């Protein structure tokens, strides 16, 4: 059963078409990348799929239920969103921040359980921040805050992970480790991932499917094999791109 579906989805922002008649079926085990130039609406599409903004028309279904008929708590149990920027309203510890990811699964007026704490600690271990669990958020660097936000999402344990530029602020080591983590998590659990990316070669390495936004309402979606080619990508970025073969696999470069 699809985790998320969209039918005839039309989205615009500031009188600019993001996509027209978008039909998606996101299945468990799939990692989708959203590619396109700056300003074409990648984040807007992601927020719409998360139920944070309404489309102009069309429908979104979570496990065959219309997202408009679901409570925010129910959606949060199924769908987790990593925002591009996260601002803390007041200083709190790293572990307390990560524990907020468990709130969709906790009954009203209840406290976090030992199991919730164990899940949060595991999430911190994944992002290699266990030794900073008691540190205040306002004492962290931008990259460390990004890793805490990712740990919060991991602790949330949704079925669909929506990641808005997940490698933002991260050094190369943590970029590769965390993209690899979500890729393996999606393959080995009944979950799916959709993420916005700027790097074509990272998309080729970690994604199974793509959504391409051209900036005029045109949208293509399909497998990596169908869409990652010189002609389509050159049109997408309005700049000539070339595919070269190396001992490590194919790479796309510009001249």
Protein backbone atom coordinates (compact mmCIF):
# COMPACT_ATOMS: atom_id res chain seq x y z
CA UNK A 1 0.00 0.00 0.00
CA UNK A 2 1.26 3.48 -0.87
CA UNK A 3 2.33 5.63 2.06
CA UNK A 4 1.47 8.81 0.17
CA UNK A 5 -0.47 9.49 -3.01
CA UNK A 6 -1.36 12.68 -4.83
CA UNK A 7 -3.92 13.07 -7.58
CA UNK A 8 -4.02 15.96 -10.07
CA UNK A 9 -2.08 18.19 -7.67
CA UNK A 10 -1.82 21.84 -8.70
CA UNK A 11 0.36 24.14 -6.60
CA UNK A 12 1.35 27.76 -7.06
CA UNK A 13 3.02 30.44 -4.99
CA UNK A 14 3.07 34.18 -5.71
CA UNK A 15 1.29 33.57 -9.03
CA UNK A 16 4.03 31.14 -10.06
CA UNK A 17 3.15 27.58 -10.96
CA UNK A 18 5.07 24.98 -8.96
CA UNK A 19 3.43 21.92 -10.50
CA UNK A 20 0.43 20.98 -12.58
CA UNK A 21 -1.54 17.73 -12.42
CA UNK A 22 1.09 16.01 -10.30
CA UNK A 23 0.33 12.36 -9.66
CA UNK A 24 2.50 10.55 -7.14
CA UNK A 25 2.51 7.15 -5.51
CA UNK A 26 5.18 6.86 -2.82
CA UNK A 27 5.79 3.25 -1.86
CA UNK A 28 7.72 1.78 1.09
CA UNK A 29 11.40 1.36 0.31
CA UNK A 30 11.59 4.31 -2.09
CA UNK A 31 13.83 7.36 -1.71
CA UNK A 32 12.61 10.31 -3.78
CA UNK A 33 14.67 13.39 -4.59
CA UNK A 34 13.16 16.74 -5.60
CA UNK A 35 15.43 18.63 -8.01
CA UNK A 36 15.13 22.02 -9.69
CA UNK A 37 16.58 25.50 -9.82
CA UNK A 38 16.38 27.90 -6.88
CA UNK A 39 12.94 29.44 -6.51
CA UNK A 40 10.95 26.82 -8.45
CA UNK A 41 9.05 25.69 -5.34
CA UNK A 42 10.84 22.60 -4.01
CA UNK A 43 10.19 23.59 -0.39
CA UNK A 44 6.62 24.63 -1.22
CA UNK A 45 5.93 21.19 -2.69
CA UNK A 46 7.42 19.47 0.35
CA UNK A 47 5.33 21.58 2.76
CA UNK A 48 2.20 20.84 0.74
CA UNK A 49 2.86 17.09 0.88
CA UNK A 50 3.27 17.48 4.66
CA UNK A 51 -0.15 19.12 4.92
CA UNK A 52 1.23 22.49 6.04
CA UNK A 53 -0.30 24.38 3.10
CA UNK A 54 -3.21 23.59 0.82
CA UNK A 55 -2.78 23.00 -2.90
CA UNK A 56 -4.73 25.02 -5.43
CA UNK A 57 -6.52 21.81 -6.38
CA UNK A 58 -6.08 18.09 -6.26
CA UNK A 59 -5.79 15.76 -3.28
CA UNK A 60 -3.18 14.15 -1.06
CA UNK A 61 -3.73 10.80 0.63
CA UNK A 62 -1.83 9.26 3.53
CA UNK A 63 -2.34 5.49 3.48
CA UNK A 64 -5.44 6.04 1.29
CA UNK A 65 -6.99 8.58 3.69
CA UNK A 66 -7.43 12.18 2.55
CA UNK A 67 -4.95 14.34 4.46
CA UNK A 68 -7.70 16.95 5.05
CA UNK A 69 -9.62 14.38 7.10
CA UNK A 70 -6.71 13.62 9.44
CA UNK A 71 -5.78 15.43 12.64
CA UNK A 72 -2.38 17.10 12.91
CA UNK A 73 -1.37 14.51 15.52
CA UNK A 74 -2.30 11.63 13.23
CA UNK A 75 -0.40 13.20 10.34
CA UNK A 76 2.64 13.69 12.61
CA UNK A 77 2.56 10.00 13.51
CA UNK A 78 2.82 9.15 9.81
CA UNK A 79 4.78 12.05 8.29
CA UNK A 80 7.87 13.80 9.64
CA UNK A 81 9.29 17.01 8.19
CA UNK A 82 12.83 18.34 8.51
CA UNK A 83 12.61 22.09 7.97
CA UNK A 84 15.29 23.97 6.08
CA UNK A 85 15.83 26.28 9.05
CA UNK A 86 14.94 25.66 12.67
CA UNK A 87 14.79 28.39 15.30
CA UNK A 88 14.62 27.54 18.98
CA UNK A 89 12.28 29.87 20.91
CA UNK A 90 14.12 29.30 24.21
CA UNK A 91 17.28 27.48 25.31
CA UNK A 92 16.82 23.85 26.30
CA UNK A 93 19.01 20.78 26.36
CA UNK A 94 19.76 18.67 23.31
CA UNK A 95 18.05 15.59 24.75
CA UNK A 96 14.90 17.56 25.66
CA UNK A 97 14.78 18.93 22.12
CA UNK A 98 15.07 15.46 20.59
CA UNK A 99 12.36 14.16 22.94
CA UNK A 100 9.88 16.56 21.33
CA UNK A 101 9.99 14.20 18.36
CA UNK A 102 8.12 11.67 20.49
CA UNK A 103 5.18 14.00 21.27
CA UNK A 104 2.91 12.75 18.42
CA UNK A 105 3.05 9.29 20.03
CA UNK A 106 2.34 10.39 23.61
CA UNK A 107 -1.16 10.71 25.03
CA UNK A 108 -2.34 14.14 26.13
CA UNK A 109 -1.17 15.14 29.61
CA UNK A 110 1.31 12.24 29.69
CA UNK A 111 5.08 12.35 30.12
CA UNK A 112 7.78 10.69 28.06
CA UNK A 113 8.39 7.07 29.02
CA UNK A 114 11.66 5.18 29.41
CA UNK A 115 11.07 3.80 25.91
CA UNK A 116 10.71 7.34 24.54
CA UNK A 117 13.98 8.32 26.20
CA UNK A 118 15.72 5.25 24.76
CA UNK A 119 14.45 6.13 21.27
CA UNK A 120 15.72 9.71 21.66
CA UNK A 121 19.10 8.52 22.88
CA UNK A 122 19.36 6.15 19.92
CA UNK A 123 18.59 9.06 17.57
CA UNK A 124 21.40 11.08 19.14
CA UNK A 125 23.72 8.12 18.67
CA UNK A 126 22.82 8.00 14.97
CA UNK A 127 23.86 11.65 14.50
CA UNK A 128 26.92 11.15 16.75
CA UNK A 129 25.85 13.65 19.42
CA UNK A 130 25.40 11.43 22.46
CA UNK A 131 28.16 13.27 24.31
CA UNK A 132 26.28 16.57 23.82
CA UNK A 133 22.90 15.41 25.16
CA UNK A 134 22.98 17.74 28.19
CA UNK A 135 24.34 20.77 26.33
CA UNK A 136 22.07 23.73 25.68
CA UNK A 137 20.88 24.19 22.10
CA UNK A 138 22.07 27.79 22.03
CA UNK A 139 25.65 26.60 22.59
CA UNK A 140 25.73 24.59 19.34
CA UNK A 141 27.05 25.44 15.90
CA UNK A 142 24.78 25.53 12.85
CA UNK A 143 25.87 22.06 11.78
CA UNK A 144 25.31 20.65 15.26
CA UNK A 145 21.82 22.18 15.38
CA UNK A 146 21.05 20.54 12.04
CA UNK A 147 22.09 17.17 13.43
CA UNK A 148 19.85 17.72 16.48
CA UNK A 149 16.92 18.52 14.13
CA UNK A 150 17.63 15.30 12.24
CA UNK A 151 17.78 13.35 15.51
CA UNK A 152 14.40 14.84 16.47
CA UNK A 153 12.96 13.56 13.19
CA UNK A 154 14.50 10.11 13.68
CA UNK A 155 12.96 9.98 17.17
CA UNK A 156 9.58 10.84 15.68
CA UNK A 157 9.71 7.52 13.78
CA UNK A 158 7.27 8.40 10.98
CA UNK A 159 6.59 6.23 7.94
CA UNK A 160 7.37 9.07 5.54
CA UNK A 161 10.42 11.28 6.04
CA UNK A 162 10.29 14.68 4.28
CA UNK A 163 13.73 16.29 4.29
CA UNK A 164 14.26 19.86 3.12
CA UNK A 165 17.94 20.15 2.17
CA UNK A 166 19.05 17.62 4.83
CA UNK A 167 22.75 18.17 4.06
CA UNK A 168 22.52 21.92 4.78
CA UNK A 169 25.22 23.14 7.23
CA UNK A 170 26.75 19.66 7.46
CA UNK A 171 30.37 18.84 6.71
CA UNK A 172 31.12 16.18 4.10
CA UNK A 173 31.44 13.34 6.60
CA UNK A 174 28.06 13.96 8.21
CA UNK A 175 26.39 14.61 4.85
CA UNK A 176 27.36 11.19 3.56
CA UNK A 177 26.65 9.39 6.82
CA UNK A 178 23.17 10.85 7.29
CA UNK A 179 22.06 10.53 3.66
CA UNK A 180 23.31 6.96 3.81
CA UNK A 181 21.40 6.39 7.05
CA UNK A 182 18.07 7.51 5.58
CA UNK A 183 18.71 5.48 2.43
CA UNK A 184 19.36 2.32 4.43
CA UNK A 185 16.50 3.04 6.86
CA UNK A 186 14.08 3.36 3.96
CA UNK A 187 15.29 0.15 2.34
CA UNK A 188 15.14 -1.89 5.55
CA UNK A 189 11.91 -0.63 7.15
CA UNK A 190 8.38 -0.01 5.79
CA UNK A 191 9.10 3.68 5.27
CA UNK A 192 9.79 6.17 2.47
CA UNK A 193 11.85 9.33 2.11
CA UNK A 194 11.38 12.46 -0.02
CA UNK A 195 14.13 15.08 0.07
CA UNK A 196 15.01 18.29 -1.71
CA UNK A 197 18.57 18.37 -3.02
CA UNK A 198 20.83 20.67 -5.00
CA UNK A 199 23.46 18.08 -5.87
CA UNK A 200 22.56 15.87 -8.84
CA UNK A 201 25.25 13.36 -7.98
CA UNK A 202 23.99 12.94 -4.42
CA UNK A 203 20.53 12.30 -5.86
CA UNK A 204 22.00 9.69 -8.17
CA UNK A 205 23.81 8.02 -5.29
CA UNK A 206 21.01 7.91 -2.73
CA UNK A 207 17.65 8.20 -4.51
CA UNK A 208 15.57 5.62 -6.31
CA UNK A 209 13.09 8.12 -7.82
CA UNK A 210 12.97 11.81 -8.71
CA UNK A 211 10.52 14.71 -8.95
CA UNK A 212 11.79 17.38 -11.34
CA UNK A 213 10.35 20.90 -11.08
CA UNK A 214 10.99 23.08 -14.14
CA UNK A 215 9.64 26.36 -12.76
CA UNK A 216 6.69 26.81 -15.13
CA UNK A 217 4.33 24.16 -13.80
CA UNK A 218 5.97 21.37 -15.75
CA UNK A 219 6.89 18.44 -13.56
CA UNK A 220 8.34 15.02 -14.32
CA UNK A 221 8.51 12.14 -11.89
CA UNK A 222 9.89 8.65 -12.28
CA UNK A 223 12.91 6.48 -11.59
CA UNK A 224 16.51 7.62 -11.55
CA UNK A 225 17.14 5.58 -14.70
CA UNK A 226 14.31 7.33 -16.55
CA UNK A 227 15.13 10.92 -15.61
CA UNK A 228 18.86 11.29 -14.99
CA UNK A 229 20.13 12.07 -18.45
CA UNK A 230 21.90 15.01 -20.10
CA UNK A 231 18.92 16.26 -22.10
CA UNK A 232 16.43 16.33 -19.23
CA UNK A 233 18.84 17.79 -16.69
CA UNK A 234 20.09 20.48 -19.08
CA UNK A 235 16.49 21.58 -19.61
CA UNK A 236 15.81 21.44 -15.86
CA UNK A 237 18.73 23.68 -14.92
CA UNK A 238 18.77 25.70 -18.14
CA UNK A 239 22.47 25.01 -18.46
CA UNK A 240 24.35 22.31 -20.39
CA UNK A 241 25.23 19.30 -18.26
CA UNK A 242 27.35 16.37 -19.34
CA UNK A 243 27.58 12.81 -18.11
CA UNK A 244 31.01 11.29 -17.64
CA UNK A 245 31.82 7.73 -16.65
CA UNK A 246 34.44 7.14 -13.96
CA UNK A 247 35.73 4.12 -12.10
CA UNK A 248 33.30 5.12 -9.32
CA UNK A 249 30.29 5.37 -11.63
CA UNK A 250 28.67 8.09 -13.73
CA UNK A 251 28.90 11.76 -12.75
CA UNK A 252 27.12 14.84 -14.09
CA UNK A 253 29.25 17.94 -14.58
CA UNK A 254 28.86 21.38 -16.17
CA UNK A 255 31.32 23.00 -18.53
